[in-house]
Amino acid sequence: MSIEASRVGHWTISQIPYGA
C-alpha cells in the first residue's frame, strides 16, 4: 500500500488525517 493510499484510507475510515 502506498503512503498516499494509506493516508487517504485512514482519513476515509476514521475521518481523521492520521497521515497528516
PDB file of N, CA and C in Angstrom:
ATOM      1  N   MET A   1       0.853  -1.208   0.000  1.00  0.00           N
ATOM      2  CA  MET A   1       0.000   0.000   0.000  1.00  0.00           C
ATOM      3  C   MET A   1       0.883   1.251   0.000  1.00  0.00           C
ATOM      4  N   SER A   2       0.562   2.165  -0.879  1.00  0.00           N
ATOM      5  CA  SER A   2       1.367   3.391  -0.970  1.00  0.00           C
ATOM      6  C   SER A   2       1.111   4.297   0.232  1.00  0.00           C
ATOM      7  N   ILE A   3       2.032   5.209   0.488  1.00  0.00           N
ATOM      8  CA  ILE A   3       1.885   6.130   1.619  1.00  0.00           C
ATOM      9  C   ILE A   3       0.634   6.980   1.439  1.00  0.00           C
ATOM     10  N   GLU A   4       0.452   7.514   0.243  1.00  0.00           N
ATOM     11  CA  GLU A   4      -0.722   8.361  -0.012  1.00  0.00           C
ATOM     12  C   GLU A   4      -1.999   7.558   0.184  1.00  0.00           C
ATOM     13  N   ALA A   5      -2.009   6.329  -0.324  1.00  0.00           N
ATOM     14  CA  ALA A   5      -3.189   5.470  -0.197  1.00  0.00           C
ATOM     15  C   ALA A   5      -3.472   5.217   1.283  1.00  0.00           C
ATOM     16  N   SER A   6      -2.413   5.011   2.051  1.00  0.00           N
ATOM     17  CA  SER A   6      -2.577   4.759   3.481  1.00  0.00           C
ATOM     18  C   SER A   6      -3.202   5.969   4.162  1.00  0.00           C
ATOM     19  N   ARG A   7      -2.712   7.160   3.820  1.00  0.00           N
ATOM     20  CA  ARG A   7      -3.238   8.387   4.429  1.00  0.00           C
ATOM     21  C   ARG A   7      -4.707   8.559   4.083  1.00  0.00           C
ATOM     22  N   VAL A   8      -5.021   8.435   2.799  1.00  0.00           N
ATOM     23  CA  VAL A   8      -6.397   8.619   2.349  1.00  0.00           C
ATOM     24  C   VAL A   8      -7.292   7.553   2.973  1.00  0.00           C
ATOM     25  N   GLY A   9      -6.793   6.321   3.046  1.00  0.00           N
ATOM     26  CA  GLY A   9      -7.571   5.219   3.619  1.00  0.00           C
ATOM     27  C   GLY A   9      -7.888   5.493   5.078  1.00  0.00           C
ATOM     28  N   HIS A  10      -6.895   5.924   5.840  1.00  0.00           N
ATOM     29  CA  HIS A  10      -7.104   6.217   7.252  1.00  0.00           C
ATOM     30  C   HIS A  10      -8.094   7.358   7.415  1.00  0.00           C
ATOM     31  N   TRP A  11      -7.956   8.392   6.597  1.00  0.00           N
ATOM     32  CA  TRP A  11      -8.849   9.551   6.702  1.00  0.00           C
ATOM     33  C   TRP A  11     -10.284   9.140   6.390  1.00  0.00           C
ATOM     34  N   THR A  12     -10.417   8.275   5.371  1.00  0.00           N
ATOM     35  CA  THR A  12     -11.753   7.846   4.955  1.00  0.00           C
ATOM     36  C   THR A  12     -12.389   6.963   6.021  1.00  0.00           C
ATOM     37  N   ILE A  13     -11.589   6.079   6.614  1.00  0.00           N
ATOM     38  CA  ILE A  13     -12.131   5.132   7.593  1.00  0.00           C
ATOM     39  C   ILE A  13     -12.430   5.824   8.926  1.00  0.00           C
ATOM     40  N   SER A  14     -11.482   6.585   9.437  1.00  0.00           N
ATOM     41  CA  SER A  14     -11.633   7.174  10.764  1.00  0.00           C
ATOM     42  C   SER A  14     -12.033   8.640  10.718  1.00  0.00           C
ATOM     43  N   GLN A  15     -12.125   9.211   9.483  1.00  0.00           N
ATOM     44  CA  GLN A  15     -12.480  10.616   9.337  1.00  0.00           C
ATOM     45  C   GLN A  15     -11.410  11.521   9.949  1.00  0.00           C
ATOM     46  N   ILE A  16     -10.242  10.950  10.287  1.00  0.00           N
ATOM     47  CA  ILE A  16      -9.164  11.746  10.884  1.00  0.00           C
ATOM     48  C   ILE A  16      -7.874  11.526  10.099  1.00  0.00           C
ATOM     49  N   PRO A  17      -7.204  12.606   9.665  1.00  0.00           N
ATOM     50  CA  PRO A  17      -5.985  12.505   8.872  1.00  0.00           C
ATOM     51  C   PRO A  17      -4.778  12.034   9.678  1.00  0.00           C
ATOM     52  N   TYR A  18      -4.668  10.721   9.903  1.00  0.00           N
ATOM     53  CA  TYR A  18      -3.530  10.202  10.651  1.00  0.00           C
ATOM     54  C   TYR A  18      -2.230  10.445   9.889  1.00  0.00           C
ATOM     55  N   GLY A  19      -2.329  10.458   8.551  1.00  0.00           N
ATOM     56  CA  GLY A  19      -1.132  10.627   7.728  1.00  0.00           C
ATOM     57  C   GLY A  19      -0.632  12.064   7.718  1.00  0.00           C
ATOM     58  N   ALA A  20      -1.466  12.998   8.201  1.00  0.00           N
ATOM     59  CA  ALA A  20      -1.079  14.404   8.164  1.00  0.00           C
ATOM     60  C   ALA A  20       0.058  14.651   9.153  1.00  0.00           C
TER      61      ALA A  20
END
